C-alpha cells in the first residue's frame, strides 16, 4: 500500500507540473503549482524524509506559492488576453516534448560513463586542486567530491550514523559544498539582476532636451525629435510620440 501511495504521489506531482505550464489561466497554474509542492512533500514524507517534506509545505506552499497567487489575483489580467497569448506557447508543446525525449536519449547514449571521467572536467578539477593547495593550503580533493555528488548511494551510506537534520547538514556542507557555492552565486545573480532591471531611469535631463520642440508641427517635430536623439531616450511608437508632443505643447 505504501509503495502504491508513493507511485501515486509521484505521478500526481508530474501530472500537476505539466498542467502548470499548459494552463491558460495563471491563477489555475499557481493552484497546480501548489499541488506539485504538496504531492512532492507527501512523497518525501512517505520516503522517510519528513524534515524536507514539512519544509516544502511551510516554505513553498505557505509562502511562495500563496504570494504568487495573491500577486496574480491583484493584477488586472483579462482572460481574453490570456487565451490569445497562451495559444502561442502551447501549440508547439508536442514538438518540444519530442525534442526533449530525443535530447535525453542522446545524452544517455553518447555519455555512458560518469561525468568525472571526462578529460576536460578531470583536468579542470586537478587545476582547482593545485590552486586550492597553493593558495589555501588545503588537502581537499574535488575528484572525490564530484564522484560522491553524482553517486548519491555513496553519500547515503556515509550518512547513516547521523540523524536526519544532521545528515542534511553533513551532506550539504561536505559532499555538496561545491554545488552549494554555485547555487549561491546563481541566486545572488537572480537577486541583483531585478534591481538593475527595475532601477528608475533619470528622465529629467532627457525631458529638457524636448524644449526646442515647442511650436512645431508633426513633420518638424519628428525631424527634430530624431535629430536630438529621441529614439535613444524614448520609445519610437506613435502613441509615445503623440504623448510627448502634447506634453511639449502644454
C-alpha atoms as a PDB file:
ATOM      1  CA  UNK A   1       0.000   0.000   0.000  1.00  0.00           C
ATOM      2  CA  UNK A   2       2.844   2.374   0.838  1.00  0.00           C
ATOM      3  CA  UNK A   3       4.566   1.728  -2.487  1.00  0.00           C
ATOM      4  CA  UNK A   4       1.283   2.396  -4.286  1.00  0.00           C
ATOM      5  CA  UNK A   5       0.882   5.747  -2.498  1.00  0.00           C
ATOM      6  CA  UNK A   6       4.474   6.700  -3.332  1.00  0.00           C
ATOM      7  CA  UNK A   7       3.928   5.944  -7.020  1.00  0.00           C
ATOM      8  CA  UNK A   8       0.582   7.758  -6.954  1.00  0.00           C
ATOM      9  CA  UNK A   9       2.081  10.902  -5.420  1.00  0.00           C
ATOM     10  CA  UNK A  10       4.977  10.843  -7.894  1.00  0.00           C
ATOM     11  CA  UNK A  11       2.560  10.556 -10.822  1.00  0.00           C
ATOM     12  CA  UNK A  12       0.355  13.313  -9.382  1.00  0.00           C
ATOM     13  CA  UNK A  13       3.367  15.619  -8.992  1.00  0.00           C
ATOM     14  CA  UNK A  14       4.449  15.051 -12.600  1.00  0.00           C
ATOM     15  CA  UNK A  15       0.896  15.468 -13.903  1.00  0.00           C
ATOM     16  CA  UNK A  16       0.428  18.693 -11.926  1.00  0.00           C
ATOM     17  CA  UNK A  17       3.751  20.054 -13.192  1.00  0.00           C
ATOM     18  CA  UNK A  18       2.604  19.504 -16.780  1.00  0.00           C
ATOM     19  CA  UNK A  19      -0.661  21.311 -16.027  1.00  0.00           C
ATOM     20  CA  UNK A  20       1.297  24.237 -14.564  1.00  0.00           C
ATOM     21  CA  UNK A  21       2.921  25.033 -17.908  1.00  0.00           C
ATOM     22  CA  UNK A  22      -0.144  24.224 -20.024  1.00  0.00           C
ATOM     23  CA  UNK A  23      -2.837  26.075 -18.036  1.00  0.00           C
ATOM     24  CA  UNK A  24      -4.104  29.191 -19.795  1.00  0.00           C
ATOM     25  CA  UNK A  25      -5.278  30.882 -16.594  1.00  0.00           C
ATOM     26  CA  UNK A  26      -2.359  31.959 -14.363  1.00  0.00           C
ATOM     27  CA  UNK A  27      -4.440  31.540 -11.193  1.00  0.00           C
ATOM     28  CA  UNK A  28      -5.175  27.923 -12.097  1.00  0.00           C
ATOM     29  CA  UNK A  29      -1.483  27.431 -12.934  1.00  0.00           C
ATOM     30  CA  UNK A  30      -0.461  28.611  -9.455  1.00  0.00           C
ATOM     31  CA  UNK A  31      -3.024  26.269  -7.883  1.00  0.00           C
ATOM     32  CA  UNK A  32      -1.480  23.363  -9.795  1.00  0.00           C
ATOM     33  CA  UNK A  33       1.945  24.589  -8.635  1.00  0.00           C
ATOM     34  CA  UNK A  34       0.726  24.294  -5.043  1.00  0.00           C
ATOM     35  CA  UNK A  35      -0.447  20.778  -5.903  1.00  0.00           C
ATOM     36  CA  UNK A  36       3.059  19.938  -7.147  1.00  0.00           C
ATOM     37  CA  UNK A  37       4.590  21.044  -3.848  1.00  0.00           C
ATOM     38  CA  UNK A  38       2.017  19.166  -1.753  1.00  0.00           C
ATOM     39  CA  UNK A  39       2.487  15.942  -3.727  1.00  0.00           C
ATOM     40  CA  UNK A  40       6.269  16.264  -3.544  1.00  0.00           C
ATOM     41  CA  UNK A  41       6.054  16.855   0.210  1.00  0.00           C
ATOM     42  CA  UNK A  42       3.880  13.772   0.680  1.00  0.00           C
ATOM     43  CA  UNK A  43       6.273  11.745  -1.462  1.00  0.00           C
ATOM     44  CA  UNK A  44       9.245  12.785   0.684  1.00  0.00           C
ATOM     45  CA  UNK A  45       7.379  12.129   3.932  1.00  0.00           C
ATOM     46  CA  UNK A  46       6.467   8.602   2.829  1.00  0.00           C
ATOM     47  CA  UNK A  47      10.122   8.017   1.929  1.00  0.00           C
ATOM     48  CA  UNK A  48      11.073   8.913   5.493  1.00  0.00           C
ATOM     49  CA  UNK A  49      12.480  12.373   4.747  1.00  0.00           C
ATOM     50  CA  UNK A  50       9.948  14.193   6.863  1.00  0.00           C
ATOM     51  CA  UNK A  51      12.004  17.316   7.529  1.00  0.00           C
ATOM     52  CA  UNK A  52      12.342  18.253   3.856  1.00  0.00           C
ATOM     53  CA  UNK A  53       8.697  17.344   3.228  1.00  0.00           C
ATOM     54  CA  UNK A  54       7.488  19.642   6.004  1.00  0.00           C
ATOM     55  CA  UNK A  55       9.862  22.350   4.750  1.00  0.00           C
ATOM     56  CA  UNK A  56       8.261  22.093   1.299  1.00  0.00           C
ATOM     57  CA  UNK A  57       4.830  22.770   2.773  1.00  0.00           C
ATOM     58  CA  UNK A  58       5.992  25.586   5.067  1.00  0.00           C
ATOM     59  CA  UNK A  59       8.269  27.420   2.628  1.00  0.00           C
ATOM     60  CA  UNK A  60       6.834  26.783  -0.823  1.00  0.00           C
ATOM     61  CA  UNK A  61       3.118  26.254  -0.206  1.00  0.00           C
ATOM     62  CA  UNK A  62       2.845  28.550   2.795  1.00  0.00           C
ATOM     63  CA  UNK A  63       4.832  31.472   1.424  1.00  0.00           C
ATOM     64  CA  UNK A  64       5.980  31.469  -2.182  1.00  0.00           C
ATOM     65  CA  UNK A  65       3.004  29.855  -3.933  1.00  0.00           C
ATOM     66  CA  UNK A  66       0.460  31.868  -1.929  1.00  0.00           C
ATOM     67  CA  UNK A  67       2.421  35.037  -2.733  1.00  0.00           C
ATOM     68  CA  UNK A  68       2.307  34.175  -6.435  1.00  0.00           C
ATOM     69  CA  UNK A  69      -1.429  33.550  -6.177  1.00  0.00           C
ATOM     70  CA  UNK A  70      -2.173  36.877  -4.499  1.00  0.00           C
ATOM     71  CA  UNK A  71       0.064  38.829  -6.884  1.00  0.00           C
ATOM     72  CA  UNK A  72      -1.640  37.302  -9.914  1.00  0.00           C
ATOM     73  CA  UNK A  73      -5.104  37.927  -8.443  1.00  0.00           C
ATOM     74  CA  UNK A  74      -4.206  41.581  -7.774  1.00  0.00           C
ATOM     75  CA  UNK A  75      -3.151  42.091 -11.394  1.00  0.00           C
ATOM     76  CA  UNK A  76      -5.810  43.179 -13.833  1.00  0.00           C
ATOM     77  CA  UNK A  77      -5.375  40.366 -16.339  1.00  0.00           C
ATOM     78  CA  UNK A  78      -8.115  39.879 -18.892  1.00  0.00           C
ATOM     79  CA  UNK A  79      -8.997  36.311 -19.782  1.00  0.00           C
ATOM     80  CA  UNK A  80      -9.197  37.143 -23.491  1.00  0.00           C
ATOM     81  CA  UNK A  81      -5.596  38.369 -23.492  1.00  0.00           C
ATOM     82  CA  UNK A  82      -4.510  35.193 -21.716  1.00  0.00           C
ATOM     83  CA  UNK A  83      -6.273  32.995 -24.258  1.00  0.00           C
ATOM     84  CA  UNK A  84      -4.686  34.879 -27.160  1.00  0.00           C
ATOM     85  CA  UNK A  85      -1.128  34.665 -25.842  1.00  0.00           C
ATOM     86  CA  UNK A  86      -1.282  31.189 -24.306  1.00  0.00           C
ATOM     87  CA  UNK A  87      -2.035  29.567 -27.644  1.00  0.00           C
ATOM     88  CA  UNK A  88       1.351  30.719 -28.921  1.00  0.00           C
ATOM     89  CA  UNK A  89       3.084  28.863 -26.064  1.00  0.00           C
ATOM     90  CA  UNK A  90       1.084  25.638 -26.110  1.00  0.00           C
ATOM     91  CA  UNK A  91       0.826  24.967 -29.842  1.00  0.00           C
ATOM     92  CA  UNK A  92       4.465  23.781 -30.009  1.00  0.00           C
ATOM     93  CA  UNK A  93       4.228  21.614 -26.890  1.00  0.00           C
ATOM     94  CA  UNK A  94       4.250  18.224 -28.746  1.00  0.00           C
ATOM     95  CA  UNK A  95       7.328  19.291 -30.707  1.00  0.00           C
ATOM     96  CA  UNK A  96       9.084  20.421 -27.524  1.00  0.00           C
ATOM     97  CA  UNK A  97       8.222  17.130 -25.805  1.00  0.00           C
ATOM     98  CA  UNK A  98       9.609  15.110 -28.733  1.00  0.00           C
ATOM     99  CA  UNK A  99      12.817  17.152 -28.848  1.00  0.00           C
ATOM    100  CA  UNK A 100      13.244  16.751 -25.084  1.00  0.00           C
ATOM    101  CA  UNK A 101      12.877  12.973 -25.286  1.00  0.00           C
ATOM    102  CA  UNK A 102      15.411  12.797 -28.130  1.00  0.00           C
ATOM    103  CA  UNK A 103      17.818  15.026 -26.209  1.00  0.00           C
ATOM    104  CA  UNK A 104      17.647  12.826 -23.098  1.00  0.00           C
ATOM    105  CA  UNK A 105      18.129   9.711 -25.240  1.00  0.00           C
ATOM    106  CA  UNK A 106      21.185  11.216 -26.935  1.00  0.00           C
ATOM    107  CA  UNK A 107      22.698  12.201 -23.585  1.00  0.00           C
ATOM    108  CA  UNK A 108      22.339   8.678 -22.200  1.00  0.00           C
ATOM    109  CA  UNK A 109      23.732   7.067 -25.360  1.00  0.00           C
ATOM    110  CA  UNK A 110      26.621   9.453 -26.015  1.00  0.00           C
ATOM    111  CA  UNK A 111      27.828   9.695 -22.377  1.00  0.00           C
ATOM    112  CA  UNK A 112      27.735   6.148 -20.969  1.00  0.00           C
ATOM    113  CA  UNK A 113      30.280   6.965 -18.227  1.00  0.00           C
ATOM    114  CA  UNK A 114      30.352   9.191 -15.128  1.00  0.00           C
ATOM    115  CA  UNK A 115      30.894  12.884 -15.653  1.00  0.00           C
ATOM    116  CA  UNK A 116      34.057  12.977 -13.535  1.00  0.00           C
ATOM    117  CA  UNK A 117      35.781  10.705 -16.089  1.00  0.00           C
ATOM    118  CA  UNK A 118      35.598  13.340 -18.838  1.00  0.00           C
ATOM    119  CA  UNK A 119      39.123  14.509 -19.672  1.00  0.00           C
ATOM    120  CA  UNK A 120      38.345  18.229 -19.671  1.00  0.00           C
ATOM    121  CA  UNK A 121      36.469  18.068 -16.361  1.00  0.00           C
ATOM    122  CA  UNK A 122      39.205  15.948 -14.795  1.00  0.00           C
ATOM    123  CA  UNK A 123      41.826  18.465 -15.967  1.00  0.00           C
ATOM    124  CA  UNK A 124      39.775  21.331 -14.545  1.00  0.00           C
ATOM    125  CA  UNK A 125      39.331  19.558 -11.199  1.00  0.00           C
ATOM    126  CA  UNK A 126      43.058  18.846 -10.981  1.00  0.00           C
ATOM    127  CA  UNK A 127      43.816  22.507 -11.702  1.00  0.00           C
ATOM    128  CA  UNK A 128      41.434  23.590  -8.940  1.00  0.00           C
ATOM    129  CA  UNK A 129      43.061  21.096  -6.563  1.00  0.00           C
ATOM    130  CA  UNK A 130      46.500  22.568  -7.292  1.00  0.00           C
ATOM    131  CA  UNK A 131      45.309  26.149  -6.819  1.00  0.00           C
ATOM    132  CA  UNK A 132      43.456  25.157  -3.670  1.00  0.00           C
ATOM    133  CA  UNK A 133      46.612  23.640  -2.221  1.00  0.00           C
ATOM    134  CA  UNK A 134      48.818  26.598  -3.173  1.00  0.00           C
ATOM    135  CA  UNK A 135      46.530  29.427  -2.137  1.00  0.00           C
ATOM    136  CA  UNK A 136      44.555  27.960   0.749  1.00  0.00           C
ATOM    137  CA  UNK A 137      46.922  25.185   1.859  1.00  0.00           C
ATOM    138  CA  UNK A 138      44.049  22.704   1.724  1.00  0.00           C
ATOM    139  CA  UNK A 139      44.135  18.978   1.021  1.00  0.00           C
ATOM    140  CA  UNK A 140      40.579  18.789  -0.331  1.00  0.00           C
ATOM    141  CA  UNK A 141      40.317  16.577  -3.420  1.00  0.00           C
ATOM    142  CA  UNK A 142      37.489  17.697  -5.681  1.00  0.00           C
ATOM    143  CA  UNK A 143      37.584  14.437  -7.636  1.00  0.00           C
ATOM    144  CA  UNK A 144      36.185  12.607  -4.634  1.00  0.00           C
ATOM    145  CA  UNK A 145      33.653  15.370  -4.023  1.00  0.00           C
ATOM    146  CA  UNK A 146      32.291  15.184  -7.573  1.00  0.00           C
ATOM    147  CA  UNK A 147      32.329  11.382  -7.507  1.00  0.00           C
ATOM    148  CA  UNK A 148      30.244  11.326  -4.325  1.00  0.00           C
ATOM    149  CA  UNK A 149      27.953  14.113  -5.562  1.00  0.00           C
ATOM    150  CA  UNK A 150      26.997  12.190  -8.713  1.00  0.00           C
ATOM    151  CA  UNK A 151      26.739   8.883  -6.836  1.00  0.00           C
ATOM    152  CA  UNK A 152      24.115   9.536  -4.154  1.00  0.00           C
ATOM    153  CA  UNK A 153      24.214   5.979  -2.799  1.00  0.00           C
ATOM    154  CA  UNK A 154      27.753   6.577  -1.519  1.00  0.00           C
ATOM    155  CA  UNK A 155      26.625   9.663   0.358  1.00  0.00           C
ATOM    156  CA  UNK A 156      23.601   7.811   1.751  1.00  0.00           C
ATOM    157  CA  UNK A 157      25.727   5.024   3.184  1.00  0.00           C
ATOM    158  CA  UNK A 158      28.196   7.537   4.610  1.00  0.00           C
ATOM    159  CA  UNK A 159      25.459   9.451   6.447  1.00  0.00           C
ATOM    160  CA  UNK A 160      23.704   6.549   8.155  1.00  0.00           C
ATOM    161  CA  UNK A 161      25.057   7.264  11.689  1.00  0.00           C
ATOM    162  CA  UNK A 162      23.581  10.800  11.701  1.00  0.00           C
ATOM    163  CA  UNK A 163      20.058  11.962  12.396  1.00  0.00           C
ATOM    164  CA  UNK A 164      18.019  13.429   9.570  1.00  0.00           C
ATOM    165  CA  UNK A 165      18.851  17.120  10.024  1.00  0.00           C
ATOM    166  CA  UNK A 166      22.485  16.347  10.827  1.00  0.00           C
ATOM    167  CA  UNK A 167      22.687  14.211   7.694  1.00  0.00           C
ATOM    168  CA  UNK A 168      21.330  17.067   5.580  1.00  0.00           C
ATOM    169  CA  UNK A 169      23.878  19.496   7.005  1.00  0.00           C
ATOM    170  CA  UNK A 170      26.701  16.976   6.698  1.00  0.00           C
ATOM    171  CA  UNK A 171      25.935  16.234   3.068  1.00  0.00           C
ATOM    172  CA  UNK A 172      25.214  19.852   2.176  1.00  0.00           C
ATOM    173  CA  UNK A 173      28.421  21.328   3.557  1.00  0.00           C
ATOM    174  CA  UNK A 174      30.816  18.469   2.761  1.00  0.00           C
ATOM    175  CA  UNK A 175      29.863  16.389  -0.282  1.00  0.00           C
ATOM    176  CA  UNK A 176      27.763  19.128  -1.864  1.00  0.00           C
ATOM    177  CA  UNK A 177      29.835  22.143  -0.828  1.00  0.00           C
ATOM    178  CA  UNK A 178      30.942  22.998  -4.364  1.00  0.00           C
ATOM    179  CA  UNK A 179      27.380  22.737  -5.689  1.00  0.00           C
ATOM    180  CA  UNK A 180      26.161  24.884  -2.790  1.00  0.00           C
ATOM    181  CA  UNK A 181      28.591  27.658  -3.759  1.00  0.00           C
ATOM    182  CA  UNK A 182      27.487  27.504  -7.397  1.00  0.00           C
ATOM    183  CA  UNK A 183      23.804  27.677  -6.420  1.00  0.00           C
ATOM    184  CA  UNK A 184      24.543  30.593  -4.088  1.00  0.00           C
ATOM    185  CA  UNK A 185      26.154  32.539  -6.940  1.00  0.00           C
ATOM    186  CA  UNK A 186      23.166  31.827  -9.194  1.00  0.00           C
ATOM    187  CA  UNK A 187      20.748  33.010  -6.503  1.00  0.00           C
ATOM    188  CA  UNK A 188      22.855  36.133  -5.978  1.00  0.00           C
ATOM    189  CA  UNK A 189      22.609  36.924  -9.680  1.00  0.00           C
ATOM    190  CA  UNK A 190      18.855  36.343  -9.529  1.00  0.00           C
ATOM    191  CA  UNK A 191      18.639  38.870  -6.682  1.00  0.00           C
ATOM    192  CA  UNK A 192      20.887  41.519  -8.229  1.00  0.00           C
ATOM    193  CA  UNK A 193      19.520  41.365 -11.792  1.00  0.00           C
ATOM    194  CA  UNK A 194      15.958  42.571 -10.931  1.00  0.00           C
ATOM    195  CA  UNK A 195      17.465  45.529  -9.057  1.00  0.00           C
ATOM    196  CA  UNK A 196      19.271  46.707 -12.195  1.00  0.00           C
ATOM    197  CA  UNK A 197      16.276  45.952 -14.411  1.00  0.00           C
ATOM    198  CA  UNK A 198      13.796  47.868 -12.247  1.00  0.00           C
ATOM    199  CA  UNK A 199      16.179  50.715 -11.429  1.00  0.00           C
ATOM    200  CA  UNK A 200      14.411  54.031 -12.197  1.00  0.00           C
ATOM    201  CA  UNK A 201      15.984  55.977 -15.002  1.00  0.00           C
ATOM    202  CA  UNK A 202      16.577  59.693 -14.787  1.00  0.00           C
ATOM    203  CA  UNK A 203      14.428  61.355 -17.419  1.00  0.00           C
ATOM    204  CA  UNK A 204      14.523  64.946 -16.170  1.00  0.00           C
ATOM    205  CA  UNK A 205      17.548  65.803 -18.316  1.00  0.00           C
ATOM    206  CA  UNK A 206      16.044  63.940 -21.235  1.00  0.00           C
ATOM    207  CA  UNK A 207      12.822  65.918 -20.974  1.00  0.00           C
ATOM    208  CA  UNK A 208      14.837  69.136 -21.015  1.00  0.00           C
ATOM    209  CA  UNK A 209      16.058  68.158 -24.477  1.00  0.00           C
ATOM    210  CA  UNK A 210      12.468  68.467 -25.701  1.00  0.00           C
ATOM    211  CA  UNK A 211      12.237  72.228 -25.064  1.00  0.00           C
ATOM    212  CA  UNK A 212      13.372  73.152 -28.641  1.00  0.00           C
ATOM    213  CA  UNK A 213      10.385  71.169 -29.976  1.00  0.00           C
ATOM    214  CA  UNK A 214       7.754  73.664 -28.836  1.00  0.00           C
ATOM    215  CA  UNK A 215       5.535  75.173 -31.518  1.00  0.00           C
ATOM    216  CA  UNK A 216       6.459  72.666 -34.247  1.00  0.00           C
ATOM    217  CA  UNK A 217       4.054  70.774 -36.452  1.00  0.00           C
ATOM    218  CA  UNK A 218       4.036  66.991 -36.729  1.00  0.00           C
ATOM    219  CA  UNK A 219       6.586  66.729 -39.531  1.00  0.00           C
ATOM    220  CA  UNK A 220       9.028  69.178 -37.958  1.00  0.00           C
ATOM    221  CA  UNK A 221       8.530  67.525 -34.571  1.00  0.00           C
ATOM    222  CA  UNK A 222       9.511  64.101 -35.954  1.00  0.00           C
ATOM    223  CA  UNK A 223      12.577  65.534 -37.678  1.00  0.00           C
ATOM    224  CA  UNK A 224      13.808  67.413 -34.607  1.00  0.00           C
ATOM    225  CA  UNK A 225      12.880  64.544 -32.316  1.00  0.00           C
ATOM    226  CA  UNK A 226      15.072  62.109 -34.235  1.00  0.00           C
ATOM    227  CA  UNK A 227      17.882  64.656 -34.601  1.00  0.00           C
ATOM    228  CA  UNK A 228      18.283  65.235 -30.854  1.00  0.00           C
ATOM    229  CA  UNK A 229      18.378  61.500 -30.248  1.00  0.00           C
ATOM    230  CA  UNK A 230      14.815  60.922 -29.131  1.00  0.00           C
ATOM    231  CA  UNK A 231      14.911  57.305 -30.256  1.00  0.00           C
ATOM    232  CA  UNK A 232      17.678  56.609 -27.787  1.00  0.00           C
ATOM    233  CA  UNK A 233      15.753  58.119 -24.902  1.00  0.00           C
ATOM    234  CA  UNK A 234      12.131  57.183 -25.557  1.00  0.00           C
ATOM    235  CA  UNK A 235      10.142  54.543 -27.375  1.00  0.00           C
ATOM    236  CA  UNK A 236       9.589  55.377 -31.027  1.00  0.00           C
ATOM    237  CA  UNK A 237       5.955  54.231 -31.129  1.00  0.00           C
ATOM    238  CA  UNK A 238       3.365  56.723 -32.469  1.00  0.00           C
ATOM    239  CA  UNK A 239       1.487  56.731 -29.152  1.00  0.00           C
ATOM    240  CA  UNK A 240       4.576  57.772 -27.193  1.00  0.00           C
ATOM    241  CA  UNK A 241       5.473  60.415 -29.767  1.00  0.00           C
ATOM    242  CA  UNK A 242       1.997  61.933 -29.679  1.00  0.00           C
ATOM    243  CA  UNK A 243       2.045  61.971 -25.874  1.00  0.00           C
ATOM    244  CA  UNK A 244       5.435  63.699 -25.852  1.00  0.00           C
ATOM    245  CA  UNK A 245       4.260  66.195 -28.431  1.00  0.00           C
ATOM    246  CA  UNK A 246       1.203  67.113 -26.354  1.00  0.00           C
ATOM    247  CA  UNK A 247       3.450  67.375 -23.281  1.00  0.00           C
ATOM    248  CA  UNK A 248       5.796  69.778 -25.053  1.00  0.00           C
ATOM    249  CA  UNK A 249       2.965  71.908 -26.408  1.00  0.00           C
ATOM    250  CA  UNK A 250       1.484  72.258 -22.930  1.00  0.00           C
END
